């Protein structure tokens, strides 16, 4: 197994292919367990993002690359809470999407579209703990900035409170 040098580009082309090759190599070569997380905004800025409503490929890529957890960024709200809920539902039914989405400071304010997907053990959780193969437990938090609702107006009525207030 070859050692990965982050300065030397890997052979696969495309961002997801490069991330997958790099993370898989890291998992194979690591002395300790490796984790892969995403800090949000993974569903916009690419050509395949145009198909999110009918085929949420970004979530499919996250599943196939075996991310440990992801969080939401402002672009996950571009399709509104109803659109985000639809993407999650379609990903779950199409390819058994089960990667934990962690949104630690999200308040739905009664939004009925995302409510079925939010809570302990559901697609979107406020926290997530994973036990690694070596027995170490890792806790995940996903935080959007306090002004995220301004950057993501379609997120209404949801808000993102500062963590200190929780």
C-alpha atoms as a PDB file:
ATOM      1  CA  UNK A   1       0.000   0.000   0.000  1.00  0.00           C
ATOM      2  CA  UNK A   2       1.484   3.316  -1.026  1.00  0.00           C
ATOM      3  CA  UNK A   3       1.861   6.211   1.355  1.00  0.00           C
ATOM      4  CA  UNK A   4      -0.316   9.235   0.564  1.00  0.00           C
ATOM      5  CA  UNK A   5       1.373  12.594   0.149  1.00  0.00           C
ATOM      6  CA  UNK A   6      -1.280  15.369   0.300  1.00  0.00           C
ATOM      7  CA  UNK A   7       0.843  17.572  -1.993  1.00  0.00           C
ATOM      8  CA  UNK A   8       0.942  15.009  -4.814  1.00  0.00           C
ATOM      9  CA  UNK A   9      -2.470  14.727  -6.532  1.00  0.00           C
ATOM     10  CA  UNK A  10      -4.036  11.281  -6.595  1.00  0.00           C
ATOM     11  CA  UNK A  11      -4.935   9.777  -9.970  1.00  0.00           C
ATOM     12  CA  UNK A  12      -8.754   9.749  -9.807  1.00  0.00           C
ATOM     13  CA  UNK A  13     -10.380  12.855 -11.248  1.00  0.00           C
ATOM     14  CA  UNK A  14     -13.316  14.716  -9.774  1.00  0.00           C
ATOM     15  CA  UNK A  15     -13.638  15.954  -6.216  1.00  0.00           C
ATOM     16  CA  UNK A  16     -15.567  12.963  -4.860  1.00  0.00           C
ATOM     17  CA  UNK A  17     -13.175  10.512  -6.508  1.00  0.00           C
ATOM     18  CA  UNK A  18     -10.178  12.335  -5.015  1.00  0.00           C
ATOM     19  CA  UNK A  19     -11.754  12.511  -1.563  1.00  0.00           C
ATOM     20  CA  UNK A  20     -12.661   8.837  -1.725  1.00  0.00           C
ATOM     21  CA  UNK A  21      -9.184   7.769  -2.884  1.00  0.00           C
ATOM     22  CA  UNK A  22      -7.485   9.891  -0.238  1.00  0.00           C
ATOM     23  CA  UNK A  23      -9.756   8.816   2.629  1.00  0.00           C
ATOM     24  CA  UNK A  24      -9.628   5.124   1.662  1.00  0.00           C
ATOM     25  CA  UNK A  25      -5.849   5.271   1.495  1.00  0.00           C
ATOM     26  CA  UNK A  26      -5.795   6.962   4.877  1.00  0.00           C
ATOM     27  CA  UNK A  27      -8.021   4.274   6.351  1.00  0.00           C
ATOM     28  CA  UNK A  28      -5.822   1.502   4.955  1.00  0.00           C
ATOM     29  CA  UNK A  29      -2.527   3.091   6.034  1.00  0.00           C
ATOM     30  CA  UNK A  30      -3.524   4.590   9.372  1.00  0.00           C
ATOM     31  CA  UNK A  31      -2.103   3.091  12.533  1.00  0.00           C
ATOM     32  CA  UNK A  32      -5.218   4.264  14.389  1.00  0.00           C
ATOM     33  CA  UNK A  33      -8.847   4.376  13.223  1.00  0.00           C
ATOM     34  CA  UNK A  34      -9.581   7.250  10.842  1.00  0.00           C
ATOM     35  CA  UNK A  35     -12.803   9.241  10.640  1.00  0.00           C
ATOM     36  CA  UNK A  36     -14.264  11.178   7.722  1.00  0.00           C
ATOM     37  CA  UNK A  37     -16.586  14.132   8.311  1.00  0.00           C
ATOM     38  CA  UNK A  38     -18.084  16.917   6.206  1.00  0.00           C
ATOM     39  CA  UNK A  39     -18.691  20.441   7.474  1.00  0.00           C
ATOM     40  CA  UNK A  40     -21.686  21.221   5.267  1.00  0.00           C
ATOM     41  CA  UNK A  41     -22.398  22.836   1.913  1.00  0.00           C
ATOM     42  CA  UNK A  42     -21.729  19.510   0.204  1.00  0.00           C
ATOM     43  CA  UNK A  43     -24.938  19.698  -1.782  1.00  0.00           C
ATOM     44  CA  UNK A  44     -24.261  22.780  -3.909  1.00  0.00           C
ATOM     45  CA  UNK A  45     -21.692  24.034  -6.371  1.00  0.00           C
ATOM     46  CA  UNK A  46     -21.580  20.986  -8.637  1.00  0.00           C
ATOM     47  CA  UNK A  47     -23.431  19.893 -11.725  1.00  0.00           C
ATOM     48  CA  UNK A  48     -24.973  16.899  -9.949  1.00  0.00           C
ATOM     49  CA  UNK A  49     -26.492  19.315  -7.409  1.00  0.00           C
ATOM     50  CA  UNK A  50     -29.019  20.218 -10.086  1.00  0.00           C
ATOM     51  CA  UNK A  51     -30.566  16.749  -9.672  1.00  0.00           C
ATOM     52  CA  UNK A  52     -30.905  16.882  -5.868  1.00  0.00           C
ATOM     53  CA  UNK A  53     -34.695  16.993  -5.968  1.00  0.00           C
ATOM     54  CA  UNK A  54     -34.975  13.872  -8.126  1.00  0.00           C
ATOM     55  CA  UNK A  55     -31.746  12.009  -7.295  1.00  0.00           C
ATOM     56  CA  UNK A  56     -29.750  13.264  -4.299  1.00  0.00           C
ATOM     57  CA  UNK A  57     -26.369  12.127  -5.615  1.00  0.00           C
ATOM     58  CA  UNK A  58     -24.403  14.181  -3.066  1.00  0.00           C
ATOM     59  CA  UNK A  59     -25.928  12.079  -0.296  1.00  0.00           C
ATOM     60  CA  UNK A  60     -25.198   8.960  -2.336  1.00  0.00           C
ATOM     61  CA  UNK A  61     -21.546   9.947  -2.592  1.00  0.00           C
ATOM     62  CA  UNK A  62     -21.438  10.551   1.168  1.00  0.00           C
ATOM     63  CA  UNK A  63     -22.840   7.056   1.735  1.00  0.00           C
ATOM     64  CA  UNK A  64     -20.495   5.349  -0.696  1.00  0.00           C
ATOM     65  CA  UNK A  65     -17.443   7.134   0.748  1.00  0.00           C
ATOM     66  CA  UNK A  66     -18.461   5.966   4.251  1.00  0.00           C
ATOM     67  CA  UNK A  67     -18.491   9.339   5.997  1.00  0.00           C
ATOM     68  CA  UNK A  68     -18.776   8.967   9.757  1.00  0.00           C
ATOM     69  CA  UNK A  69     -20.916  12.109  10.111  1.00  0.00           C
ATOM     70  CA  UNK A  70     -21.805  15.300   8.261  1.00  0.00           C
ATOM     71  CA  UNK A  71     -23.315  18.605   9.283  1.00  0.00           C
ATOM     72  CA  UNK A  72     -25.457  21.160   7.510  1.00  0.00           C
ATOM     73  CA  UNK A  73     -24.202  24.333   5.893  1.00  0.00           C
ATOM     74  CA  UNK A  74     -26.251  27.236   4.598  1.00  0.00           C
ATOM     75  CA  UNK A  75     -26.543  25.683   1.113  1.00  0.00           C
ATOM     76  CA  UNK A  76     -28.343  22.619   2.464  1.00  0.00           C
ATOM     77  CA  UNK A  77     -31.233  25.047   3.006  1.00  0.00           C
ATOM     78  CA  UNK A  78     -31.334  26.369  -0.569  1.00  0.00           C
ATOM     79  CA  UNK A  79     -34.259  24.068  -1.295  1.00  0.00           C
ATOM     80  CA  UNK A  80     -36.118  25.026   1.932  1.00  0.00           C
ATOM     81  CA  UNK A  81     -36.800  22.692   4.883  1.00  0.00           C
ATOM     82  CA  UNK A  82     -39.364  20.818   2.762  1.00  0.00           C
ATOM     83  CA  UNK A  83     -36.814  20.321  -0.028  1.00  0.00           C
ATOM     84  CA  UNK A  84     -34.125  19.152   2.421  1.00  0.00           C
ATOM     85  CA  UNK A  85     -36.598  16.703   3.977  1.00  0.00           C
ATOM     86  CA  UNK A  86     -37.496  15.418   0.509  1.00  0.00           C
ATOM     87  CA  UNK A  87     -33.834  14.878  -0.385  1.00  0.00           C
ATOM     88  CA  UNK A  88     -33.216  12.957   2.830  1.00  0.00           C
ATOM     89  CA  UNK A  89     -36.335  10.824   2.332  1.00  0.00           C
ATOM     90  CA  UNK A  90     -35.398  10.063  -1.268  1.00  0.00           C
ATOM     91  CA  UNK A  91     -31.814   9.202  -0.287  1.00  0.00           C
ATOM     92  CA  UNK A  92     -33.072   6.891   2.451  1.00  0.00           C
ATOM     93  CA  UNK A  93     -35.471   5.086   0.127  1.00  0.00           C
ATOM     94  CA  UNK A  94     -33.174   5.034  -2.940  1.00  0.00           C
ATOM     95  CA  UNK A  95     -29.897   3.887  -1.414  1.00  0.00           C
ATOM     96  CA  UNK A  96     -30.455   3.430   2.324  1.00  0.00           C
ATOM     97  CA  UNK A  97     -28.742   6.690   3.277  1.00  0.00           C
ATOM     98  CA  UNK A  98     -27.908   6.450   6.977  1.00  0.00           C
ATOM     99  CA  UNK A  99     -24.900   8.721   7.546  1.00  0.00           C
ATOM    100  CA  UNK A 100     -25.656  10.775  10.671  1.00  0.00           C
ATOM    101  CA  UNK A 101     -26.356  14.452   9.958  1.00  0.00           C
ATOM    102  CA  UNK A 102     -25.421  16.430  13.059  1.00  0.00           C
ATOM    103  CA  UNK A 103     -27.083  19.809  13.649  1.00  0.00           C
ATOM    104  CA  UNK A 104     -26.344  20.722  17.259  1.00  0.00           C
ATOM    105  CA  UNK A 105     -27.793  24.223  17.353  1.00  0.00           C
ATOM    106  CA  UNK A 106     -30.729  23.911  14.967  1.00  0.00           C
ATOM    107  CA  UNK A 107     -34.195  24.788  16.190  1.00  0.00           C
ATOM    108  CA  UNK A 108     -36.991  23.823  13.799  1.00  0.00           C
ATOM    109  CA  UNK A 109     -39.576  26.087  15.466  1.00  0.00           C
ATOM    110  CA  UNK A 110     -42.258  23.534  14.710  1.00  0.00           C
ATOM    111  CA  UNK A 111     -41.392  22.946  11.054  1.00  0.00           C
ATOM    112  CA  UNK A 112     -43.425  19.861  10.203  1.00  0.00           C
ATOM    113  CA  UNK A 113     -41.407  18.986   7.072  1.00  0.00           C
ATOM    114  CA  UNK A 114     -38.125  18.260   8.872  1.00  0.00           C
ATOM    115  CA  UNK A 115     -39.605  17.182  12.218  1.00  0.00           C
ATOM    116  CA  UNK A 116     -39.873  13.476  11.210  1.00  0.00           C
ATOM    117  CA  UNK A 117     -36.144  13.482  10.381  1.00  0.00           C
ATOM    118  CA  UNK A 118     -34.866  15.297  13.488  1.00  0.00           C
ATOM    119  CA  UNK A 119     -34.139  13.704  16.846  1.00  0.00           C
ATOM    120  CA  UNK A 120     -32.154  11.000  18.572  1.00  0.00           C
ATOM    121  CA  UNK A 121     -31.536   8.064  16.222  1.00  0.00           C
ATOM    122  CA  UNK A 122     -33.050   9.879  13.228  1.00  0.00           C
ATOM    123  CA  UNK A 123     -31.356  11.240  10.095  1.00  0.00           C
ATOM    124  CA  UNK A 124     -30.612  14.638  11.699  1.00  0.00           C
ATOM    125  CA  UNK A 125     -29.468  14.613  15.321  1.00  0.00           C
ATOM    126  CA  UNK A 126     -28.246  17.254  17.727  1.00  0.00           C
ATOM    127  CA  UNK A 127     -25.245  15.096  18.667  1.00  0.00           C
ATOM    128  CA  UNK A 128     -23.762  11.792  17.593  1.00  0.00           C
ATOM    129  CA  UNK A 129     -21.336   9.439  19.344  1.00  0.00           C
ATOM    130  CA  UNK A 130     -19.486   6.718  17.468  1.00  0.00           C
ATOM    131  CA  UNK A 131     -17.362   3.985  19.004  1.00  0.00           C
ATOM    132  CA  UNK A 132     -14.292   3.310  16.871  1.00  0.00           C
ATOM    133  CA  UNK A 133     -12.881  -0.208  16.354  1.00  0.00           C
ATOM    134  CA  UNK A 134     -10.214   0.449  19.021  1.00  0.00           C
ATOM    135  CA  UNK A 135     -12.919   1.246  21.597  1.00  0.00           C
ATOM    136  CA  UNK A 136     -12.417   5.033  21.589  1.00  0.00           C
ATOM    137  CA  UNK A 137     -15.672   6.980  21.590  1.00  0.00           C
ATOM    138  CA  UNK A 138     -15.830  10.103  19.424  1.00  0.00           C
ATOM    139  CA  UNK A 139     -18.520  12.733  19.871  1.00  0.00           C
ATOM    140  CA  UNK A 140     -19.661  14.869  16.949  1.00  0.00           C
ATOM    141  CA  UNK A 141     -21.224  18.328  17.054  1.00  0.00           C
ATOM    142  CA  UNK A 142     -22.395  20.214  13.998  1.00  0.00           C
ATOM    143  CA  UNK A 143     -22.818  23.938  14.401  1.00  0.00           C
ATOM    144  CA  UNK A 144     -24.092  26.612  12.069  1.00  0.00           C
ATOM    145  CA  UNK A 145     -23.140  30.185  12.868  1.00  0.00           C
ATOM    146  CA  UNK A 146     -25.638  32.347  14.707  1.00  0.00           C
ATOM    147  CA  UNK A 147     -26.166  34.415  11.562  1.00  0.00           C
ATOM    148  CA  UNK A 148     -26.686  31.340   9.368  1.00  0.00           C
ATOM    149  CA  UNK A 149     -30.409  31.988   9.051  1.00  0.00           C
ATOM    150  CA  UNK A 150     -29.531  35.313   7.386  1.00  0.00           C
ATOM    151  CA  UNK A 151     -27.143  33.543   4.976  1.00  0.00           C
ATOM    152  CA  UNK A 152     -29.768  30.850   4.376  1.00  0.00           C
ATOM    153  CA  UNK A 153     -33.162  32.630   4.270  1.00  0.00           C
ATOM    154  CA  UNK A 154     -34.965  29.536   2.913  1.00  0.00           C
ATOM    155  CA  UNK A 155     -34.235  27.843   6.280  1.00  0.00           C
ATOM    156  CA  UNK A 156     -37.137  29.704   7.909  1.00  0.00           C
ATOM    157  CA  UNK A 157     -38.721  29.053  10.284  1.00  0.00           C
ATOM    158  CA  UNK A 158     -35.577  27.263  11.484  1.00  0.00           C
ATOM    159  CA  UNK A 159     -32.898  29.136  13.394  1.00  0.00           C
ATOM    160  CA  UNK A 160     -29.419  28.350  14.612  1.00  0.00           C
ATOM    161  CA  UNK A 161     -28.791  29.402  18.196  1.00  0.00           C
ATOM    162  CA  UNK A 162     -25.353  30.024  19.638  1.00  0.00           C
ATOM    163  CA  UNK A 163     -24.258  26.838  21.439  1.00  0.00           C
ATOM    164  CA  UNK A 164     -23.633  28.753  24.664  1.00  0.00           C
ATOM    165  CA  UNK A 165     -27.377  29.414  24.978  1.00  0.00           C
ATOM    166  CA  UNK A 166     -28.314  25.729  24.967  1.00  0.00           C
END
